Amino acid sequence: MASHDSYLPNYSFEVRIDGTRFGFAKVNNISASVEFDTIVNGGTNDAPVILLKPKKTADMIIFEKGLKSDLNDTVFSLLTEGKKVGGVMIFVKLNGTIKRIYTISTGVIVKREFSSLDAMGDQVFIEALQIAHTGLTEIALPL
């Protein structure tokens, strides 16, 4: 059993899309999946047989950040729906040292979403970017 000290508390992360670094507050759906069929083999039917099949549905990942008025946000506005992106990299860090890297080789921006506008509210204006991708690869680095 892992000790409490081996987990990554107080981690930070950095995201790069097409080589440009972005400061996101949240990343959702860091996942990869496969598609499969199950069949019952004749004779002994104690358990189904699982067969992998070609993937037909893209995986999705969602990046969220607060709106700032700086050069990085100007570059972020160029990430529009339908734009193909490559080299998406997520660096998970602990005390400035990279502990994990997640990569997406190719993807397409399928949705941009913005929080509601409320002149009487005091919430941060949130931008969300949804990318459909062909698969996620995790690179585990020695701790």
N, C-alpha and C. Protein backbone atom coordinates (compact mmCIF):
# COMPACT_ATOMS: atom_id res chain seq x y z
N MET A 1 0.84 -1.18 0.00
CA MET A 1 0.00 0.00 0.00
C MET A 1 0.89 1.24 0.00
N ALA A 2 0.51 2.21 -0.80
CA ALA A 2 1.30 3.43 -0.93
C ALA A 2 1.14 4.30 0.31
N SER A 3 2.22 4.92 0.72
CA SER A 3 2.14 5.83 1.85
C SER A 3 1.54 7.16 1.40
N HIS A 4 1.05 7.90 2.37
CA HIS A 4 0.44 9.19 2.07
C HIS A 4 1.43 10.14 1.40
N ASP A 5 2.72 10.00 1.70
CA ASP A 5 3.75 10.88 1.13
C ASP A 5 3.98 10.64 -0.36
N SER A 6 3.51 9.49 -0.90
CA SER A 6 3.79 9.19 -2.30
C SER A 6 2.76 9.79 -3.27
N TYR A 7 1.69 10.39 -2.74
CA TYR A 7 0.71 11.04 -3.60
C TYR A 7 1.19 12.43 -3.99
N LEU A 8 0.55 13.04 -4.98
CA LEU A 8 0.97 14.36 -5.46
C LEU A 8 0.03 15.46 -4.94
N PRO A 9 0.20 15.91 -3.70
CA PRO A 9 -0.61 17.03 -3.24
C PRO A 9 -0.03 18.35 -3.75
N ASN A 10 -0.82 19.36 -3.79
CA ASN A 10 -0.35 20.69 -4.18
C ASN A 10 0.38 20.69 -5.52
N TYR A 11 -0.11 19.92 -6.46
CA TYR A 11 0.51 19.86 -7.77
C TYR A 11 0.08 21.06 -8.60
N SER A 12 0.84 21.34 -9.62
CA SER A 12 0.47 22.36 -10.60
C SER A 12 0.57 21.71 -11.97
N PHE A 13 0.08 22.37 -12.98
CA PHE A 13 0.19 21.81 -14.32
C PHE A 13 0.35 22.92 -15.34
N GLU A 14 0.90 22.51 -16.46
CA GLU A 14 1.14 23.43 -17.57
C GLU A 14 0.61 22.76 -18.82
N VAL A 15 -0.04 23.53 -19.69
CA VAL A 15 -0.59 22.99 -20.93
C VAL A 15 0.04 23.72 -22.11
N ARG A 16 0.46 22.94 -23.10
CA ARG A 16 0.96 23.51 -24.35
C ARG A 16 0.12 22.96 -25.50
N ILE A 17 -0.31 23.87 -26.36
CA ILE A 17 -1.07 23.48 -27.55
C ILE A 17 -0.32 24.06 -28.74
N ASP A 18 0.08 23.20 -29.66
CA ASP A 18 0.88 23.62 -30.82
C ASP A 18 2.11 24.42 -30.40
N GLY A 19 2.71 24.03 -29.28
CA GLY A 19 3.94 24.67 -28.81
C GLY A 19 3.75 25.94 -28.00
N THR A 20 2.51 26.45 -27.88
CA THR A 20 2.24 27.66 -27.11
C THR A 20 1.74 27.28 -25.72
N ARG A 21 2.29 27.89 -24.70
CA ARG A 21 1.92 27.59 -23.32
C ARG A 21 0.69 28.41 -22.92
N PHE A 22 -0.28 27.73 -22.31
CA PHE A 22 -1.50 28.36 -21.82
C PHE A 22 -1.67 28.06 -20.34
N GLY A 23 -2.22 29.01 -19.60
CA GLY A 23 -2.49 28.83 -18.18
C GLY A 23 -3.95 28.50 -17.97
N PHE A 24 -4.25 27.21 -17.89
CA PHE A 24 -5.63 26.79 -17.64
C PHE A 24 -5.82 26.54 -16.15
N ALA A 25 -7.03 26.80 -15.67
CA ALA A 25 -7.36 26.57 -14.27
C ALA A 25 -7.80 25.13 -14.04
N LYS A 26 -8.33 24.50 -15.08
CA LYS A 26 -8.91 23.17 -14.92
C LYS A 26 -8.84 22.41 -16.23
N VAL A 27 -8.57 21.11 -16.15
CA VAL A 27 -8.61 20.23 -17.31
C VAL A 27 -9.50 19.04 -16.94
N ASN A 28 -10.55 18.82 -17.74
CA ASN A 28 -11.48 17.71 -17.50
C ASN A 28 -11.33 16.65 -18.59
N ASN A 29 -11.70 15.43 -18.25
CA ASN A 29 -11.72 14.31 -19.19
C ASN A 29 -10.32 13.93 -19.67
N ILE A 30 -9.37 13.88 -18.78
CA ILE A 30 -8.05 13.36 -19.15
C ILE A 30 -8.21 11.85 -19.17
N SER A 31 -8.55 11.34 -20.33
CA SER A 31 -8.84 9.90 -20.43
C SER A 31 -8.66 9.41 -21.85
N ALA A 32 -8.55 8.12 -21.96
CA ALA A 32 -8.49 7.45 -23.27
C ALA A 32 -9.33 6.19 -23.15
N SER A 33 -9.88 5.76 -24.25
CA SER A 33 -10.73 4.57 -24.22
C SER A 33 -10.58 3.79 -25.52
N VAL A 34 -11.08 2.56 -25.49
CA VAL A 34 -11.12 1.71 -26.68
C VAL A 34 -12.57 1.29 -26.90
N GLU A 35 -12.87 0.88 -28.10
CA GLU A 35 -14.19 0.35 -28.39
C GLU A 35 -14.08 -1.16 -28.53
N PHE A 36 -15.13 -1.85 -28.10
CA PHE A 36 -15.07 -3.31 -28.10
C PHE A 36 -16.44 -3.91 -28.30
N ASP A 37 -16.45 -5.17 -28.68
CA ASP A 37 -17.66 -5.99 -28.77
C ASP A 37 -17.49 -7.17 -27.83
N THR A 38 -18.59 -7.67 -27.33
CA THR A 38 -18.54 -8.91 -26.55
C THR A 38 -19.37 -9.96 -27.29
N ILE A 39 -18.85 -11.14 -27.31
CA ILE A 39 -19.58 -12.25 -27.92
C ILE A 39 -19.56 -13.43 -26.95
N VAL A 40 -20.52 -14.30 -27.11
CA VAL A 40 -20.56 -15.51 -26.30
C VAL A 40 -20.05 -16.64 -27.18
N ASN A 41 -19.03 -17.30 -26.69
CA ASN A 41 -18.43 -18.40 -27.42
C ASN A 41 -19.29 -19.64 -27.23
N GLY A 42 -19.55 -20.37 -28.31
CA GLY A 42 -20.37 -21.57 -28.21
C GLY A 42 -19.76 -22.60 -27.27
N GLY A 43 -20.59 -23.50 -26.76
CA GLY A 43 -20.08 -24.52 -25.83
C GLY A 43 -20.13 -24.00 -24.41
N THR A 44 -18.98 -23.63 -23.88
CA THR A 44 -18.91 -23.13 -22.52
C THR A 44 -19.14 -21.62 -22.55
N ASN A 45 -20.20 -21.19 -21.89
CA ASN A 45 -20.55 -19.77 -21.91
C ASN A 45 -20.37 -19.13 -20.54
N ASP A 46 -19.30 -19.47 -19.85
CA ASP A 46 -19.07 -18.94 -18.50
C ASP A 46 -18.77 -17.44 -18.52
N ALA A 47 -18.15 -16.95 -19.56
CA ALA A 47 -17.79 -15.54 -19.63
C ALA A 47 -17.78 -15.10 -21.09
N PRO A 48 -18.09 -13.84 -21.33
CA PRO A 48 -18.06 -13.37 -22.72
C PRO A 48 -16.62 -13.21 -23.22
N VAL A 49 -16.47 -13.24 -24.52
CA VAL A 49 -15.18 -12.96 -25.14
C VAL A 49 -15.20 -11.49 -25.56
N ILE A 50 -14.15 -10.76 -25.21
CA ILE A 50 -14.08 -9.34 -25.53
C ILE A 50 -13.17 -9.16 -26.74
N LEU A 51 -13.71 -8.50 -27.77
CA LEU A 51 -12.96 -8.26 -28.99
C LEU A 51 -12.81 -6.75 -29.21
N LEU A 52 -11.60 -6.29 -29.41
CA LEU A 52 -11.38 -4.88 -29.73
C LEU A 52 -11.83 -4.62 -31.15
N LYS A 53 -12.39 -3.44 -31.38
CA LYS A 53 -12.79 -3.08 -32.74
C LYS A 53 -12.24 -1.70 -33.06
N PRO A 54 -12.17 -1.36 -34.32
CA PRO A 54 -11.63 -0.04 -34.71
C PRO A 54 -12.43 1.08 -34.04
N LYS A 55 -11.72 2.09 -33.62
CA LYS A 55 -12.34 3.20 -32.92
C LYS A 55 -13.11 4.10 -33.89
N LYS A 56 -14.35 4.41 -33.55
CA LYS A 56 -15.19 5.26 -34.39
C LYS A 56 -15.54 6.58 -33.71
N THR A 57 -15.35 6.65 -32.40
CA THR A 57 -15.71 7.84 -31.64
C THR A 57 -14.47 8.46 -31.03
N ALA A 58 -14.31 9.75 -31.20
CA ALA A 58 -13.15 10.45 -30.64
C ALA A 58 -13.31 10.63 -29.14
N ASP A 59 -12.20 10.71 -28.42
CA ASP A 59 -12.21 11.06 -27.01
C ASP A 59 -12.27 12.58 -26.92
N MET A 60 -12.75 13.10 -25.81
CA MET A 60 -12.88 14.55 -25.60
C MET A 60 -12.08 14.97 -24.38
N ILE A 61 -11.50 16.15 -24.46
CA ILE A 61 -10.83 16.76 -23.32
C ILE A 61 -11.27 18.22 -23.27
N ILE A 62 -11.46 18.74 -22.06
CA ILE A 62 -11.97 20.10 -21.88
C ILE A 62 -10.99 20.90 -21.04
N PHE A 63 -10.61 22.06 -21.54
CA PHE A 63 -9.72 22.98 -20.84
C PHE A 63 -10.53 24.21 -20.43
N GLU A 64 -10.37 24.67 -19.18
CA GLU A 64 -11.09 25.85 -18.71
C GLU A 64 -10.10 26.85 -18.12
N LYS A 65 -10.38 28.13 -18.36
CA LYS A 65 -9.52 29.18 -17.82
C LYS A 65 -10.33 30.46 -17.63
N GLY A 66 -9.83 31.30 -16.77
CA GLY A 66 -10.44 32.61 -16.57
C GLY A 66 -9.93 33.58 -17.61
N LEU A 67 -10.76 34.51 -18.01
CA LEU A 67 -10.40 35.51 -19.01
C LEU A 67 -9.45 36.54 -18.41
N LYS A 68 -8.36 36.80 -19.10
CA LYS A 68 -7.42 37.86 -18.73
C LYS A 68 -7.19 38.71 -19.98
N SER A 69 -6.80 39.93 -19.78
CA SER A 69 -6.50 40.77 -20.95
C SER A 69 -4.99 40.88 -21.07
N ASP A 70 -4.41 39.87 -21.72
CA ASP A 70 -2.97 39.89 -21.98
C ASP A 70 -2.70 39.23 -23.33
N LEU A 71 -1.45 39.17 -23.71
CA LEU A 71 -1.07 38.62 -25.01
C LEU A 71 -1.48 37.16 -25.13
N ASN A 72 -1.36 36.38 -24.04
CA ASN A 72 -1.72 34.96 -24.09
C ASN A 72 -3.19 34.79 -24.43
N ASP A 73 -4.06 35.67 -23.92
CA ASP A 73 -5.48 35.56 -24.26
C ASP A 73 -5.73 35.93 -25.71
N THR A 74 -4.94 36.81 -26.28
CA THR A 74 -5.07 37.13 -27.69
C THR A 74 -4.75 35.90 -28.52
N VAL A 75 -3.69 35.18 -28.15
CA VAL A 75 -3.34 33.95 -28.85
C VAL A 75 -4.43 32.90 -28.64
N PHE A 76 -4.99 32.81 -27.44
CA PHE A 76 -6.06 31.85 -27.14
C PHE A 76 -7.27 32.08 -28.05
N SER A 77 -7.56 33.35 -28.39
CA SER A 77 -8.71 33.64 -29.24
C SER A 77 -8.54 33.09 -30.66
N LEU A 78 -7.30 32.74 -31.04
CA LEU A 78 -7.06 32.15 -32.36
C LEU A 78 -7.43 30.66 -32.40
N LEU A 79 -7.66 30.06 -31.24
CA LEU A 79 -8.06 28.65 -31.18
C LEU A 79 -9.57 28.57 -31.38
N THR A 80 -9.98 28.47 -32.64
CA THR A 80 -11.40 28.52 -32.99
C THR A 80 -11.93 27.13 -33.34
N GLU A 81 -13.24 27.01 -33.35
CA GLU A 81 -13.88 25.74 -33.68
C GLU A 81 -13.45 25.27 -35.07
N GLY A 82 -13.17 23.99 -35.19
CA GLY A 82 -12.76 23.42 -36.47
C GLY A 82 -11.26 23.44 -36.70
N LYS A 83 -10.52 24.16 -35.87
CA LYS A 83 -9.06 24.23 -36.03
C LYS A 83 -8.42 22.92 -35.57
N LYS A 84 -7.55 22.39 -36.42
CA LYS A 84 -6.80 21.18 -36.06
C LYS A 84 -5.63 21.60 -35.18
N VAL A 85 -5.42 20.86 -34.12
CA VAL A 85 -4.32 21.13 -33.21
C VAL A 85 -3.48 19.86 -33.06
N GLY A 86 -2.22 20.05 -32.85
CA GLY A 86 -1.32 18.92 -32.64
C GLY A 86 -0.39 19.23 -31.50
N GLY A 87 0.21 18.21 -30.99
CA GLY A 87 1.18 18.42 -29.93
C GLY A 87 0.60 19.00 -28.67
N VAL A 88 -0.58 18.54 -28.25
CA VAL A 88 -1.14 18.98 -26.97
C VAL A 88 -0.39 18.24 -25.87
N MET A 89 0.20 18.99 -24.95
CA MET A 89 0.97 18.38 -23.87
C MET A 89 0.52 18.96 -22.54
N ILE A 90 0.30 18.08 -21.57
CA ILE A 90 -0.07 18.48 -20.22
C ILE A 90 1.04 18.00 -19.29
N PHE A 91 1.72 18.93 -18.64
CA PHE A 91 2.81 18.61 -17.72
C PHE A 91 2.28 18.74 -16.29
N VAL A 92 2.27 17.66 -15.53
CA VAL A 92 1.86 17.70 -14.13
C VAL A 92 3.12 17.83 -13.30
N LYS A 93 3.15 18.87 -12.43
CA LYS A 93 4.37 19.19 -11.69
C LYS A 93 4.13 19.18 -10.19
N LEU A 94 5.18 18.86 -9.46
CA LEU A 94 5.19 18.96 -8.01
C LEU A 94 6.43 19.74 -7.63
N ASN A 95 6.24 20.89 -6.98
CA ASN A 95 7.35 21.77 -6.61
C ASN A 95 8.24 22.12 -7.82
N GLY A 96 7.61 22.33 -8.98
CA GLY A 96 8.34 22.72 -10.18
C GLY A 96 8.97 21.59 -10.96
N THR A 97 8.91 20.36 -10.43
CA THR A 97 9.49 19.20 -11.11
C THR A 97 8.39 18.43 -11.83
N ILE A 98 8.60 18.12 -13.11
CA ILE A 98 7.60 17.39 -13.90
C ILE A 98 7.53 15.94 -13.41
N LYS A 99 6.31 15.49 -13.07
CA LYS A 99 6.09 14.13 -12.58
C LYS A 99 5.36 13.26 -13.59
N ARG A 100 4.51 13.85 -14.41
CA ARG A 100 3.76 13.13 -15.44
C ARG A 100 3.61 14.04 -16.65
N ILE A 101 3.55 13.41 -17.82
CA ILE A 101 3.26 14.13 -19.05
C ILE A 101 2.16 13.37 -19.78
N TYR A 102 1.12 14.09 -20.17
CA TYR A 102 0.05 13.52 -20.99
C TYR A 102 0.14 14.20 -22.35
N THR A 103 0.08 13.43 -23.42
CA THR A 103 0.18 14.00 -24.76
C THR A 103 -0.98 13.56 -25.63
N ILE A 104 -1.36 14.44 -26.53
CA ILE A 104 -2.36 14.17 -27.57
C ILE A 104 -1.71 14.58 -28.87
N SER A 105 -1.56 13.64 -29.79
CA SER A 105 -0.84 13.96 -31.02
C SER A 105 -1.67 14.79 -31.99
N THR A 106 -2.95 14.45 -32.16
CA THR A 106 -3.80 15.23 -33.06
C THR A 106 -5.20 15.39 -32.48
N GLY A 107 -5.79 16.53 -32.78
CA GLY A 107 -7.14 16.78 -32.31
C GLY A 107 -7.77 17.91 -33.10
N VAL A 108 -9.05 18.12 -32.86
CA VAL A 108 -9.80 19.20 -33.51
C VAL A 108 -10.61 19.91 -32.43
N ILE A 109 -10.57 21.23 -32.44
CA ILE A 109 -11.38 22.01 -31.51
C ILE A 109 -12.83 21.91 -31.97
N VAL A 110 -13.68 21.32 -31.13
CA VAL A 110 -15.07 21.12 -31.52
C VAL A 110 -16.03 22.08 -30.84
N LYS A 111 -15.57 22.74 -29.77
CA LYS A 111 -16.49 23.64 -29.07
C LYS A 111 -15.71 24.64 -28.22
N ARG A 112 -16.19 25.87 -28.22
CA ARG A 112 -15.72 26.90 -27.28
C ARG A 112 -16.95 27.36 -26.52
N GLU A 113 -16.78 27.51 -25.23
CA GLU A 113 -17.92 27.91 -24.41
C GLU A 113 -17.49 29.00 -23.44
N PHE A 114 -18.39 29.93 -23.18
CA PHE A 114 -18.10 31.06 -22.31
C PHE A 114 -19.15 31.13 -21.22
N SER A 115 -18.74 31.61 -20.05
CA SER A 115 -19.71 31.72 -18.95
C SER A 115 -20.72 32.81 -19.26
N SER A 116 -21.82 32.78 -18.54
CA SER A 116 -22.87 33.77 -18.72
C SER A 116 -22.37 35.15 -18.32
N LEU A 117 -22.89 36.16 -18.97
CA LEU A 117 -22.54 37.54 -18.62
C LEU A 117 -23.56 38.05 -17.60
N ASP A 118 -23.05 38.52 -16.48
CA ASP A 118 -23.91 39.03 -15.41
C ASP A 118 -23.25 40.29 -14.84
N ALA A 119 -23.76 41.45 -15.19
CA ALA A 119 -23.16 42.72 -14.77
C ALA A 119 -23.22 42.90 -13.26
N MET A 120 -24.12 42.19 -12.58
CA MET A 120 -24.25 42.34 -11.13
C MET A 120 -23.49 41.25 -10.38
N GLY A 121 -22.91 40.30 -11.10
CA GLY A 121 -22.18 39.21 -10.45
C GLY A 121 -20.73 39.56 -10.22
N ASP A 122 -20.06 38.75 -9.43
CA ASP A 122 -18.64 38.98 -9.16
C ASP A 122 -17.79 37.76 -9.52
N GLN A 123 -18.33 36.87 -10.37
CA GLN A 123 -17.60 35.68 -10.77
C GLN A 123 -16.59 36.01 -11.88
N VAL A 124 -15.58 35.16 -11.96
CA VAL A 124 -14.59 35.28 -13.03
C VAL A 124 -15.23 34.79 -14.33
N PHE A 125 -14.97 35.49 -15.41
CA PHE A 125 -15.45 35.08 -16.74
C PHE A 125 -14.64 33.86 -17.19
N ILE A 126 -15.30 32.74 -17.40
CA ILE A 126 -14.65 31.47 -17.72
C ILE A 126 -14.79 31.16 -19.20
N GLU A 127 -13.68 30.74 -19.81
CA GLU A 127 -13.67 30.24 -21.19
C GLU A 127 -13.35 28.75 -21.15
N ALA A 128 -14.06 27.97 -21.94
CA ALA A 128 -13.81 26.53 -22.03
C ALA A 128 -13.54 26.15 -23.48
N LEU A 129 -12.60 25.24 -23.65
CA LEU A 129 -12.20 24.78 -24.97
C LEU A 129 -12.31 23.26 -24.98
N GLN A 130 -13.12 22.70 -25.88
CA GLN A 130 -13.30 21.25 -25.97
C GLN A 130 -12.62 20.74 -27.23
N ILE A 131 -11.76 19.73 -27.06
CA ILE A 131 -11.01 19.17 -28.17
C ILE A 131 -11.34 17.69 -28.32
N ALA A 132 -11.74 17.28 -29.53
CA ALA A 132 -11.91 15.87 -29.86
C ALA A 132 -10.54 15.38 -30.31
N HIS A 133 -10.10 14.23 -29.77
CA HIS A 133 -8.76 13.77 -30.10
C HIS A 133 -8.73 12.27 -30.37
N THR A 134 -7.63 11.84 -30.96
CA THR A 134 -7.48 10.45 -31.39
C THR A 134 -6.91 9.54 -30.32
N GLY A 135 -6.50 10.09 -29.22
CA GLY A 135 -5.97 9.25 -28.15
C GLY A 135 -5.00 10.00 -27.27
N LEU A 136 -4.94 9.59 -26.03
CA LEU A 136 -4.10 10.20 -25.03
C LEU A 136 -3.00 9.23 -24.64
N THR A 137 -1.79 9.73 -24.52
CA THR A 137 -0.67 8.91 -24.10
C THR A 137 -0.11 9.49 -22.81
N GLU A 138 0.11 8.61 -21.83
CA GLU A 138 0.69 9.04 -20.56
C GLU A 138 2.17 8.66 -20.54
N ILE A 139 2.99 9.61 -20.17
CA ILE A 139 4.42 9.34 -20.02
C ILE A 139 4.72 9.45 -18.53
N ALA A 140 4.99 8.31 -17.90
CA ALA A 140 5.31 8.30 -16.47
C ALA A 140 6.80 8.51 -16.31
N LEU A 141 7.15 9.47 -15.49
CA LEU A 141 8.54 9.77 -15.24
C LEU A 141 8.93 9.20 -13.89
N PRO A 142 10.18 8.80 -13.71
CA PRO A 142 10.59 8.27 -12.41
C PRO A 142 10.43 9.33 -11.33
N LEU A 143 9.90 8.90 -10.20
CA LEU A 143 9.71 9.84 -9.10
C LEU A 143 10.93 9.91 -8.32
